[in-house]
Amino acid sequence: MPSQNPFDGRRIGPIDLDDYSLGDLGRFVRLGIVLLLIGIVVAAGLSTTYRIDSSSEGVVLRFGKRERTVPPGLHFKLPWPVDIVYEVPVQRIQSLEFGFETQQPGRRTQYAPQDAELRAVAEMLTGDLNLGHVEWIVQYQIKDPLDYLFQIGSTEAIDESSLPSGTSYDVNEAVPDTIRDVSESVMRKLVGDVSIDYVLTIGREQLAAEAGQLIQEELDSFNAGIDIRAVKLQTTSPPTDAVQDAFQEVNRARQKKERVVNEALGERNSIIPAARGRRDEEIAKAEGYQNRVVLETNGEINAFLAQLAEYEKAPEITRQRLYLEAMEEVLAQAGEKIVIDDSVRSLVPLLDLNRPGTPAAPPEATRRP
């Protein structure tokens, strides 16, 4: 008797395996195996295709051992968990914020309100025992994907095909945590070695440069595979409003001091050159007077020596000439001139030289010494 087909519509009710022959059961088993193989092939085909972003590199592990590093683009791999692919953003510049938190960047960036955790990071003790509020940013880039994945912490093995579309995750969260810890330690060390005035004014750029260098050295000692691109100090200020008012008053006093000092320096720069000019002028006058006196003295000496030479040749004539020259000079400066000659015994033994037309007295009428 031929077996009845339960799907021919001629029998309604529960299916009884006794109603089927071995041939029918074989066909069901073969059909299930075929469907299972088709499902495995489809799943394997879907799982072997993956894509690496243009700013990343892919590190492929096979059974936990590095197999290869792949560039951006579409690639194939064996199904998970045989092959595991880690996408590492080696071209992306990543940032960590300290002491503040950006909620929404833009033309008017919105920041999260200051809470106890953010204040604990930003408040630091300076070298002169003052409390400063320092906020900064660390920008870094992954330079070695293998060191980044396996030198610090543990990398979580996640099948990316199992993640929802658009989901991003950090394959090694220990690295950003390490950068954050090292950055806080370095910044507190640097700020603790200087004064609050240095932190608030002239020392910002120097502190940022030194912090970047020290952070890089620490991360290199860990083989973190990280390149520190920049450290930027944001806000540096006293921690509370009351202290801020006091520091602003100090800054105003310092600015006033600098203004007064600059004015004094300006006045000094105007007075000193004038005084130096007057000094040089007086020195030049003194030197000129010295030269004139020396020349006049030398001339007088030379004239005296010349007269001495003539006197030695003719003493009487030279003496008479010198006497006449001296009397000419003296009489030229006198007002009224009256010459009395003791040798004349007349009633008026006078020679009035002041009257116009008075004849010149003879030589013998002049008194001689």
Foldseek 3Di string as FASTA:
>chain_A
DDADDPPPPPDDDDDDPVSDDPVVVVVVVVVVVVVVVVVVVVVQVVQFKDFADQQWKKFKDAVNHTDDIGHGGIGTDGHPPRIFIDIFRQRDKDKDKALWAFDADDPDTDTDDGDPVSQVLQWAQAQVRAIKGWIKMWIKGFQDVVLQAPLFDHFDGDRPVPDDPPDDDDRGPRLVVVLVVLLSVLLNVVRHHHDLVLCQPVPQVVSFVVSQVSSVVVCVVSSNRMHTDTMHIDDMAHDDPVVRVVVVVVVVVVVVVVVVVVVVVVVVVVPVVVVVVVVVVVVVVVVVVVVVVVVVVVVVVVVVVVLVVVCVVPVVVSVVVVVVVVVVVVVVPDDWDWFAAPVDDDPDRIQGPVDPPRDDDDPVSGDDD
